[in-house]
Amino acid sequence: QMNGLKPEDTAVYYCNTKYIGGDYWGQGTQVTV
């Protein structure tokens, strides 16, 4: 949950987990402020 968003929060946001020796990433979602 992102409140009080600022222009400097503009980025691609990625979900990540390190699970049983692996490092897993989503494809990302763009946030533009």
Full PDB file with SEQRES, HELIX, SHEET, SSBOND, CRYST1, ORIGX, SCALE, CONECT and MASTER records, all heavy atoms in Angstrom:
SEQRES   1 A   33  GLN MET ASN GLY LEU LYS PRO GLU ASP THR ALA VAL TYR          
SEQRES   2 A   33  TYR CYS ASN THR LYS TYR ILE GLY GLY ASP TYR TRP GLY          
SEQRES   3 A   33  GLN GLY THR GLN VAL THR VAL                                  
HELIX    1 AA1 PRO A    7  ASP A    9  5                                   3    
SHEET    1 AA1 2 ALA A  11  TYR A  13  0                                        
SHEET    2 AA1 2 THR A  29  VAL A  31 -1                                        
SHEET    1 AA2 2 ASN A  16  TYR A  19  0                                        
SHEET    2 AA2 2 GLY A  22  TRP A  25 -1                                        
CRYST1    1.000    1.000    1.000  90.00  90.00  90.00 P 1           1          
ORIGX1      1.000000  0.000000  0.000000        0.00000                         
ORIGX2      0.000000  1.000000  0.000000        0.00000                         
ORIGX3      0.000000  0.000000  1.000000        0.00000                         
SCALE1      1.000000  0.000000  0.000000        0.00000                         
SCALE2      0.000000  1.000000  0.000000        0.00000                         
SCALE3      0.000000  0.000000  1.000000        0.00000                         
ATOM      1  N   GLN A   1       0.857  -1.179   0.000  1.00  0.00           N  
ATOM      2  CA  GLN A   1       0.000   0.000   0.000  1.00  0.00           C  
ATOM      3  C   GLN A   1       0.893   1.228   0.000  1.00  0.00           C  
ATOM      4  O   GLN A   1       1.722   1.391   0.895  1.00  0.00           O  
ATOM      5  CB  GLN A   1      -0.897   0.006   1.230  1.00  0.00           C  
ATOM      6  CG  GLN A   1      -1.793   1.229   1.343  1.00  0.00           C  
ATOM      7  CD  GLN A   1      -2.830   1.301   0.255  1.00  0.00           C  
ATOM      8  OE1 GLN A   1      -3.475   0.308  -0.061  1.00  0.00           O  
ATOM      9  NE2 GLN A   1      -3.019   2.492  -0.331  1.00  0.00           N  
ATOM     10  N   MET A   2       0.722   2.071  -1.001  1.00  0.00           N  
ATOM     11  CA  MET A   2       1.577   3.237  -1.163  1.00  0.00           C  
ATOM     12  C   MET A   2       0.712   4.490  -1.071  1.00  0.00           C  
ATOM     13  O   MET A   2      -0.170   4.710  -1.901  1.00  0.00           O  
ATOM     14  CB  MET A   2       2.291   3.180  -2.516  1.00  0.00           C  
ATOM     15  CG  MET A   2       3.071   1.904  -2.738  1.00  0.00           C  
ATOM     16  SD  MET A   2       4.045   1.914  -4.247  1.00  0.00           S  
ATOM     17  CE  MET A   2       2.748   1.960  -5.466  1.00  0.00           C  
ATOM     18  N   ASN A   3       0.966   5.278  -0.053  1.00  0.00           N  
ATOM     19  CA  ASN A   3       0.250   6.532   0.162  1.00  0.00           C  
ATOM     20  C   ASN A   3       1.223   7.700   0.049  1.00  0.00           C  
ATOM     21  O   ASN A   3       2.434   7.516   0.164  1.00  0.00           O  
ATOM     22  CB  ASN A   3      -0.414   6.540   1.535  1.00  0.00           C  
ATOM     23  CG  ASN A   3      -1.422   5.437   1.710  1.00  0.00           C  
ATOM     24  OD1 ASN A   3      -2.089   5.018   0.755  1.00  0.00           O  
ATOM     25  ND2 ASN A   3      -1.552   4.941   2.927  1.00  0.00           N  
ATOM     26  N   GLY A   4       0.686   8.881  -0.147  1.00  0.00           N  
ATOM     27  CA  GLY A   4       1.540  10.057  -0.230  1.00  0.00           C  
ATOM     28  C   GLY A   4       2.607   9.944  -1.297  1.00  0.00           C  
ATOM     29  O   GLY A   4       3.758  10.320  -1.082  1.00  0.00           O  
ATOM     30  N   LEU A   5       2.216   9.438  -2.457  1.00  0.00           N  
ATOM     31  CA  LEU A   5       3.204   9.170  -3.499  1.00  0.00           C  
ATOM     32  C   LEU A   5       3.853  10.451  -4.000  1.00  0.00           C  
ATOM     33  O   LEU A   5       3.206  11.508  -4.089  1.00  0.00           O  
ATOM     34  CB  LEU A   5       2.551   8.407  -4.645  1.00  0.00           C  
ATOM     35  CG  LEU A   5       2.348   6.912  -4.361  1.00  0.00           C  
ATOM     36  CD1 LEU A   5       1.311   6.313  -5.285  1.00  0.00           C  
ATOM     37  CD2 LEU A   5       3.666   6.175  -4.466  1.00  0.00           C  
ATOM     38  N   LYS A   6       5.122  10.332  -4.318  1.00  0.00           N  
ATOM     39  CA  LYS A   6       5.937  11.440  -4.803  1.00  0.00           C  
ATOM     40  C   LYS A   6       6.478  11.108  -6.185  1.00  0.00           C  
ATOM     41  O   LYS A   6       6.631   9.925  -6.520  1.00  0.00           O  
ATOM     42  CB  LYS A   6       7.105  11.675  -3.847  1.00  0.00           C  
ATOM     43  CG  LYS A   6       6.708  11.914  -2.402  1.00  0.00           C  
ATOM     44  CD  LYS A   6       7.944  12.016  -1.520  1.00  0.00           C  
ATOM     45  CE  LYS A   6       7.572  12.245  -0.059  1.00  0.00           C  
ATOM     46  NZ  LYS A   6       8.776  12.334   0.805  1.00  0.00           N  
ATOM     47  N   PRO A   7       6.835  12.114  -6.967  1.00  0.00           N  
ATOM     48  CA  PRO A   7       7.418  11.823  -8.290  1.00  0.00           C  
ATOM     49  C   PRO A   7       8.633  10.906  -8.207  1.00  0.00           C  
ATOM     50  O   PRO A   7       8.847  10.081  -9.123  1.00  0.00           O  
ATOM     51  CB  PRO A   7       7.788  13.217  -8.799  1.00  0.00           C  
ATOM     52  CG  PRO A   7       6.797  14.119  -8.161  1.00  0.00           C  
ATOM     53  CD  PRO A   7       6.584  13.553  -6.785  1.00  0.00           C  
ATOM     54  N   GLU A   8       9.396  11.011  -7.140  1.00  0.00           N  
ATOM     55  CA  GLU A   8      10.586  10.161  -7.008  1.00  0.00           C  
ATOM     56  C   GLU A   8      10.246   8.710  -6.702  1.00  0.00           C  
ATOM     57  O   GLU A   8      11.143   7.859  -6.668  1.00  0.00           O  
ATOM     58  CB  GLU A   8      11.541  10.718  -5.946  1.00  0.00           C  
ATOM     59  CG  GLU A   8      10.890  11.013  -4.610  1.00  0.00           C  
ATOM     60  CD  GLU A   8      10.504  12.481  -4.455  1.00  0.00           C  
ATOM     61  OE1 GLU A   8       9.969  13.073  -5.431  1.00  0.00           O  
ATOM     62  OE2 GLU A   8      10.731  13.032  -3.357  1.00  0.00           O  
ATOM     63  N   ASP A   9       8.986   8.400  -6.488  1.00  0.00           N  
ATOM     64  CA  ASP A   9       8.564   7.005  -6.334  1.00  0.00           C  
ATOM     65  C   ASP A   9       8.334   6.332  -7.682  1.00  0.00           C  
ATOM     66  O   ASP A   9       8.079   5.119  -7.745  1.00  0.00           O  
ATOM     67  CB  ASP A   9       7.272   6.920  -5.519  1.00  0.00           C  
ATOM     68  CG  ASP A   9       7.454   7.376  -4.083  1.00  0.00           C  
ATOM     69  OD1 ASP A   9       8.483   7.028  -3.476  1.00  0.00           O  
ATOM     70  OD2 ASP A   9       6.557   8.086  -3.572  1.00  0.00           O  
ATOM     71  N   THR A  10       8.410   7.102  -8.753  1.00  0.00           N  
ATOM     72  CA  THR A  10       8.227   6.541 -10.089  1.00  0.00           C  
ATOM     73  C   THR A  10       9.282   5.490 -10.376  1.00  0.00           C  
ATOM     74  O   THR A  10      10.482   5.747 -10.248  1.00  0.00           O  
ATOM     75  CB  THR A  10       8.298   7.652 -11.147  1.00  0.00           C  
ATOM     76  OG1 THR A  10       7.197   8.549 -10.966  1.00  0.00           O  
ATOM     77  CG2 THR A  10       8.246   7.078 -12.558  1.00  0.00           C  
ATOM     78  N   ALA A  11       8.825   4.287 -10.725  1.00  0.00           N  
ATOM     79  CA  ALA A  11       9.736   3.157 -10.941  1.00  0.00           C  
ATOM     80  C   ALA A  11       8.919   1.946 -11.381  1.00  0.00           C  
ATOM     81  O   ALA A  11       7.682   1.955 -11.306  1.00  0.00           O  
ATOM     82  CB  ALA A  11      10.498   2.834  -9.667  1.00  0.00           C  
ATOM     83  N   VAL A  12       9.635   0.929 -11.793  1.00  0.00           N  
ATOM     84  CA  VAL A  12       9.030  -0.390 -11.943  1.00  0.00           C  
ATOM     85  C   VAL A  12       9.194  -1.102 -10.605  1.00  0.00           C  
ATOM     86  O   VAL A  12      10.303  -1.163 -10.059  1.00  0.00           O  
ATOM     87  CB  VAL A  12       9.677  -1.191 -13.070  1.00  0.00           C  
ATOM     88  CG1 VAL A  12       9.036  -2.572 -13.170  1.00  0.00           C  
ATOM     89  CG2 VAL A  12       9.544  -0.450 -14.396  1.00  0.00           C  
ATOM     90  N   TYR A  13       8.103  -1.617 -10.086  1.00  0.00           N  
ATOM     91  CA  TYR A  13       8.091  -2.298  -8.791  1.00  0.00           C  
ATOM     92  C   TYR A  13       8.033  -3.802  -9.008  1.00  0.00           C  
ATOM     93  O   TYR A  13       7.211  -4.301  -9.788  1.00  0.00           O  
ATOM     94  CB  TYR A  13       6.903  -1.824  -7.965  1.00  0.00           C  
ATOM     95  CG  TYR A  13       7.116  -0.443  -7.387  1.00  0.00           C  
ATOM     96  CD1 TYR A  13       7.093   0.681  -8.198  1.00  0.00           C  
ATOM     97  CD2 TYR A  13       7.371  -0.260  -6.026  1.00  0.00           C  
ATOM     98  CE1 TYR A  13       7.309   1.949  -7.678  1.00  0.00           C  
ATOM     99  CE2 TYR A  13       7.585   0.997  -5.502  1.00  0.00           C  
ATOM    100  CZ  TYR A  13       7.559   2.100  -6.335  1.00  0.00           C  
ATOM    101  OH  TYR A  13       7.783   3.357  -5.812  1.00  0.00           O  
ATOM    102  N   TYR A  14       8.916  -4.512  -8.283  1.00  0.00           N  
ATOM    103  CA  TYR A  14       9.054  -5.953  -8.433  1.00  0.00           C  
ATOM    104  C   TYR A  14       8.800  -6.655  -7.103  1.00  0.00           C  
ATOM    105  O   TYR A  14       9.279  -6.232  -6.049  1.00  0.00           O  
ATOM    106  CB  TYR A  14      10.466  -6.310  -8.883  1.00  0.00           C  
ATOM    107  CG  TYR A  14      10.856  -5.767 -10.235  1.00  0.00           C  
ATOM    108  CD1 TYR A  14      11.490  -4.533 -10.343  1.00  0.00           C  
ATOM    109  CD2 TYR A  14      10.617  -6.489 -11.393  1.00  0.00           C  
ATOM    110  CE1 TYR A  14      11.868  -4.019 -11.575  1.00  0.00           C  
ATOM    111  CE2 TYR A  14      10.988  -5.988 -12.634  1.00  0.00           C  
ATOM    112  CZ  TYR A  14      11.607  -4.761 -12.714  1.00  0.00           C  
ATOM    113  OH  TYR A  14      11.983  -4.271 -13.932  1.00  0.00           O  
ATOM    114  N   CYS A  15       8.136  -7.768  -7.199  1.00  0.00           N  
ATOM    115  CA  CYS A  15       7.959  -8.675  -6.085  1.00  0.00           C  
ATOM    116  C   CYS A  15       9.106  -9.693  -6.120  1.00  0.00           C  
ATOM    117  O   CYS A  15       9.526 -10.120  -7.211  1.00  0.00           O  
ATOM    118  CB  CYS A  15       6.609  -9.368  -6.258  1.00  0.00           C  
ATOM    119  SG  CYS A  15       6.150 -10.523  -4.989  1.00  0.00           S  
ATOM    120  N   ASN A  16       9.605 -10.081  -4.958  1.00  0.00           N  
ATOM    121  CA  ASN A  16      10.759 -10.977  -4.906  1.00  0.00           C  
ATOM    122  C   ASN A  16      10.673 -11.899  -3.705  1.00  0.00           C  
ATOM    123  O   ASN A  16      10.181 -11.520  -2.636  1.00  0.00           O  
ATOM    124  CB  ASN A  16      12.042 -10.157  -4.815  1.00  0.00           C  
ATOM    125  CG  ASN A  16      13.266 -10.984  -4.482  1.00  0.00           C  
ATOM    126  OD1 ASN A  16      13.666 -11.060  -3.318  1.00  0.00           O  
ATOM    127  ND2 ASN A  16      13.860 -11.612  -5.479  1.00  0.00           N  
ATOM    128  N   THR A  17      11.172 -13.116  -3.890  1.00  0.00           N  
ATOM    129  CA  THR A  17      11.388 -14.005  -2.764  1.00  0.00           C  
ATOM    130  C   THR A  17      12.616 -14.863  -3.025  1.00  0.00           C  
ATOM    131  O   THR A  17      12.941 -15.176  -4.171  1.00  0.00           O  
ATOM    132  CB  THR A  17      10.151 -14.883  -2.484  1.00  0.00           C  
ATOM    133  OG1 THR A  17      10.325 -15.544  -1.235  1.00  0.00           O  
ATOM    134  CG2 THR A  17       9.935 -15.920  -3.580  1.00  0.00           C  
ATOM    135  N   LYS A  18      13.298 -15.187  -1.942  1.00  0.00           N  
ATOM    136  CA  LYS A  18      14.455 -16.091  -2.005  1.00  0.00           C  
ATOM    137  C   LYS A  18      14.006 -17.382  -1.333  1.00  0.00           C  
ATOM    138  O   LYS A  18      13.797 -17.424  -0.123  1.00  0.00           O  
ATOM    139  CB  LYS A  18      15.655 -15.440  -1.320  1.00  0.00           C  
ATOM    140  CG  LYS A  18      16.086 -14.175  -2.054  1.00  0.00           C  
ATOM    141  CD  LYS A  18      16.850 -13.222  -1.177  1.00  0.00           C  
ATOM    142  CE  LYS A  18      17.219 -11.945  -1.912  1.00  0.00           C  
ATOM    143  NZ  LYS A  18      16.063 -11.152  -2.367  1.00  0.00           N  
ATOM    144  N   TYR A  19      13.875 -18.420  -2.131  1.00  0.00           N  
ATOM    145  CA  TYR A  19      13.162 -19.619  -1.687  1.00  0.00           C  
ATOM    146  C   TYR A  19      13.968 -20.845  -2.058  1.00  0.00           C  
ATOM    147  O   TYR A  19      14.247 -21.098  -3.231  1.00  0.00           O  
ATOM    148  CB  TYR A  19      11.793 -19.653  -2.370  1.00  0.00           C  
ATOM    149  CG  TYR A  19      10.924 -20.835  -2.031  1.00  0.00           C  
ATOM    150  CD1 TYR A  19      10.275 -20.921  -0.812  1.00  0.00           C  
ATOM    151  CD2 TYR A  19      10.735 -21.876  -2.944  1.00  0.00           C  
ATOM    152  CE1 TYR A  19       9.459 -21.991  -0.497  1.00  0.00           C  
ATOM    153  CE2 TYR A  19       9.924 -22.952  -2.639  1.00  0.00           C  
ATOM    154  CZ  TYR A  19       9.288 -23.001  -1.417  1.00  0.00           C  
ATOM    155  OH  TYR A  19       8.474 -24.070  -1.112  1.00  0.00           O  
ATOM    156  N   ILE A  20      14.376 -21.592  -1.031  1.00  0.00           N  
ATOM    157  CA  ILE A  20      15.117 -22.848  -1.199  1.00  0.00           C  
ATOM    158  C   ILE A  20      16.233 -22.673  -2.224  1.00  0.00           C  
ATOM    159  O   ILE A  20      16.322 -23.387  -3.228  1.00  0.00           O  
ATOM    160  CB  ILE A  20      14.178 -24.003  -1.596  1.00  0.00           C  
ATOM    161  CG1 ILE A  20      12.969 -24.052  -0.631  1.00  0.00           C  
ATOM    162  CG2 ILE A  20      14.902 -25.324  -1.547  1.00  0.00           C  
ATOM    163  CD1 ILE A  20      12.005 -25.183  -0.914  1.00  0.00           C  
ATOM    164  N   GLY A  21      17.083 -21.698  -1.969  1.00  0.00           N  
ATOM    165  CA  GLY A  21      18.253 -21.487  -2.800  1.00  0.00           C  
ATOM    166  C   GLY A  21      18.017 -20.735  -4.084  1.00  0.00           C  
ATOM    167  O   GLY A  21      18.969 -20.440  -4.819  1.00  0.00           O  
ATOM    168  N   GLY A  22      16.783 -20.446  -4.392  1.00  0.00           N  
ATOM    169  CA  GLY A  22      16.491 -19.700  -5.606  1.00  0.00           C  
ATOM    170  C   GLY A  22      16.132 -18.259  -5.316  1.00  0.00           C  
ATOM    171  O   GLY A  22      15.727 -17.925  -4.216  1.00  0.00           O  
ATOM    172  N   ASP A  23      16.279 -17.401  -6.314  1.00  0.00           N  
ATOM    173  CA  ASP A  23      15.975 -15.978  -6.197  1.00  0.00           C  
ATOM    174  C   ASP A  23      14.964 -15.657  -7.291  1.00  0.00           C  
ATOM    175  O   ASP A  23      15.313 -15.661  -8.470  1.00  0.00           O  
ATOM    176  CB  ASP A  23      17.252 -15.157  -6.367  1.00  0.00           C  
ATOM    177  CG  ASP A  23      17.068 -13.706  -5.977  1.00  0.00           C  
ATOM    178  OD1 ASP A  23      16.003 -13.365  -5.427  1.00  0.00           O  
ATOM    179  OD2 ASP A  23      17.993 -12.903  -6.228  1.00  0.00           O  
ATOM    180  N   TYR A  24      13.730 -15.411  -6.893  1.00  0.00           N  
ATOM    181  CA  TYR A  24      12.636 -15.330  -7.852  1.00  0.00           C  
ATOM    182  C   TYR A  24      12.056 -13.922  -7.928  1.00  0.00           C  
ATOM    183  O   TYR A  24      11.877 -13.262  -6.895  1.00  0.00           O  
ATOM    184  CB  TYR A  24      11.532 -16.329  -7.483  1.00  0.00           C  
ATOM    185  CG  TYR A  24      12.037 -17.754  -7.476  1.00  0.00           C  
ATOM    186  CD1 TYR A  24      12.407 -18.375  -6.292  1.00  0.00           C  
ATOM    187  CD2 TYR A  24      12.155 -18.466  -8.671  1.00  0.00           C  
ATOM    188  CE1 TYR A  24      12.887 -19.663  -6.294  1.00  0.00           C  
ATOM    189  CE2 TYR A  24      12.632 -19.766  -8.675  1.00  0.00           C  
ATOM    190  CZ  TYR A  24      13.001 -20.356  -7.481  1.00  0.00           C  
ATOM    191  OH  TYR A  24      13.481 -21.646  -7.483  1.00  0.00           O  
ATOM    192  N   TRP A  25      11.754 -13.506  -9.171  1.00  0.00           N  
ATOM    193  CA  TRP A  25      11.261 -12.159  -9.429  1.00  0.00           C  
ATOM    194  C   TRP A  25       9.995 -12.220 -10.284  1.00  0.00           C  
ATOM    195  O   TRP A  25       9.867 -13.086 -11.150  1.00  0.00           O  
ATOM    196  CB  TRP A  25      12.311 -11.342 -10.175  1.00  0.00           C  
ATOM    197  CG  TRP A  25      13.575 -11.137  -9.397  1.00  0.00           C  
ATOM    198  CD1 TRP A  25      14.646 -11.981  -9.328  1.00  0.00           C  
ATOM    199  CD2 TRP A  25      13.877 -10.022  -8.558  1.00  0.00           C  
ATOM    200  NE1 TRP A  25      15.611 -11.458  -8.494  1.00  0.00           N  
ATOM    201  CE2 TRP A  25      15.169 -10.252  -8.017  1.00  0.00           C  
ATOM    202  CE3 TRP A  25      13.215  -8.852  -8.222  1.00  0.00           C  
ATOM    203  CZ2 TRP A  25      15.794  -9.343  -7.144  1.00  0.00           C  
ATOM    204  CZ3 TRP A  25      13.833  -7.952  -7.374  1.00  0.00           C  
ATOM    205  CH2 TRP A  25      15.097  -8.197  -6.837  1.00  0.00           C  
ATOM    206  N   GLY A  26       9.125 -11.261 -10.060  1.00  0.00           N  
ATOM    207  CA  GLY A  26       8.012 -11.078 -10.966  1.00  0.00           C  
ATOM    208  C   GLY A  26       8.443 -10.252 -12.168  1.00  0.00           C  
ATOM    209  O   GLY A  26       9.607  -9.842 -12.287  1.00  0.00           O  
ATOM    210  N   GLN A  27       7.493  -9.977 -13.042  1.00  0.00           N  
ATOM    211  CA  GLN A  27       7.796  -9.230 -14.260  1.00  0.00           C  
ATOM    212  C   GLN A  27       7.814  -7.722 -14.026  1.00  0.00           C  
ATOM    213  O   GLN A  27       8.304  -6.970 -14.868  1.00  0.00           O  
ATOM    214  CB  GLN A  27       6.770  -9.572 -15.349  1.00  0.00           C  
ATOM    215  CG  GLN A  27       5.454  -8.809 -15.279  1.00  0.00           C  
ATOM    216  CD  GLN A  27       4.546  -9.244 -14.128  1.00  0.00           C  
ATOM    217  OE1 GLN A  27       4.814 -10.232 -13.434  1.00  0.00           O  
ATOM    218  NE2 GLN A  27       3.464  -8.508 -13.923  1.00  0.00           N  
ATOM    219  N   GLY A  28       7.295  -7.300 -12.890  1.00  0.00           N  
ATOM    220  CA  GLY A  28       7.291  -5.884 -12.551  1.00  0.00           C  
ATOM    221  C   GLY A  28       6.010  -5.183 -12.954  1.00  0.00           C  
ATOM    222  O   GLY A  28       5.311  -5.609 -13.887  1.00  0.00           O  
ATOM    223  N   THR A  29       5.699  -4.114 -12.233  1.00  0.00           N  
ATOM    224  CA  THR A  29       4.548  -3.277 -12.561  1.00  0.00           C  
ATOM    225  C   THR A  29       4.982  -1.816 -12.476  1.00  0.00           C  
ATOM    226  O   THR A  29       5.638  -1.415 -11.516  1.00  0.00           O  
ATOM    227  CB  THR A  29       3.351  -3.581 -11.641  1.00  0.00           C  
ATOM    228  OG1 THR A  29       2.202  -2.851 -12.086  1.00  0.00           O  
ATOM    229  CG2 THR A  29       3.624  -3.277 -10.187  1.00  0.00           C  
ATOM    230  N   GLN A  30       4.622  -1.044 -13.481  1.00  0.00           N  
ATOM    231  CA  GLN A  30       5.072   0.341 -13.572  1.00  0.00           C  
ATOM    232  C   GLN A  30       4.216   1.242 -12.692  1.00  0.00           C  
ATOM    233  O   GLN A  30       2.978   1.210 -12.765  1.00  0.00           O  
ATOM    234  CB  GLN A  30       4.993   0.827 -15.023  1.00  0.00           C  
ATOM    235  CG  GLN A  30       5.347   2.288 -15.220  1.00  0.00           C  
ATOM    236  CD  GLN A  30       6.814   2.571 -15.016  1.00  0.00           C  
ATOM    237  OE1 GLN A  30       7.674   1.854 -15.534  1.00  0.00           O  
ATOM    238  NE2 GLN A  30       7.123   3.631 -14.253  1.00  0.00           N  
ATOM    239  N   VAL A  31       4.885   2.049 -11.892  1.00  0.00           N  
ATOM    240  CA  VAL A  31       4.228   3.092 -11.116  1.00  0.00           C  
ATOM    241  C   VAL A  31       4.786   4.431 -11.577  1.00  0.00           C  
ATOM    242  O   VAL A  31       6.002   4.642 -11.566  1.00  0.00           O  
ATOM    243  CB  VAL A  31       4.466   2.906  -9.602  1.00  0.00           C  
ATOM    244  CG1 VAL A  31       3.943   4.112  -8.823  1.00  0.00           C  
ATOM    245  CG2 VAL A  31       3.805   1.628  -9.121  1.00  0.00           C  
ATOM    246  N   THR A  32       3.907   5.312 -12.009  1.00  0.00           N  
ATOM    247  CA  THR A  32       4.308   6.635 -12.458  1.00  0.00           C  
ATOM    248  C   THR A  32       3.561   7.675 -11.643  1.00  0.00           C  
ATOM    249  O   THR A  32       2.322   7.661 -11.593  1.00  0.00           O  
ATOM    250  CB  THR A  32       4.020   6.828 -13.950  1.00  0.00           C  
ATOM    251  OG1 THR A  32       4.700   5.827 -14.704  1.00  0.00           O  
ATOM    252  CG2 THR A  32       4.486   8.204 -14.417  1.00  0.00           C  
ATOM    253  N   VAL A  33       4.318   8.555 -11.000  1.00  0.00           N  
ATOM    254  CA  VAL A  33       3.728   9.618 -10.181  1.00  0.00           C  
ATOM    255  C   VAL A  33       4.008  10.944 -10.883  1.00  0.00           C  
ATOM    256  O   VAL A  33       5.152  11.400 -10.954  1.00  0.00           O  
ATOM    257  CB  VAL A  33       4.291   9.616  -8.754  1.00  0.00           C  
ATOM    258  CG1 VAL A  33       3.559  10.659  -7.904  1.00  0.00           C  
ATOM    259  CG2 VAL A  33       4.177   8.238  -8.140  1.00  0.00           C  
TER     260      VAL A  33                                                      
MASTER        0    0    0    1    4    0    0    6  259    1    0    3          
END                                                                             
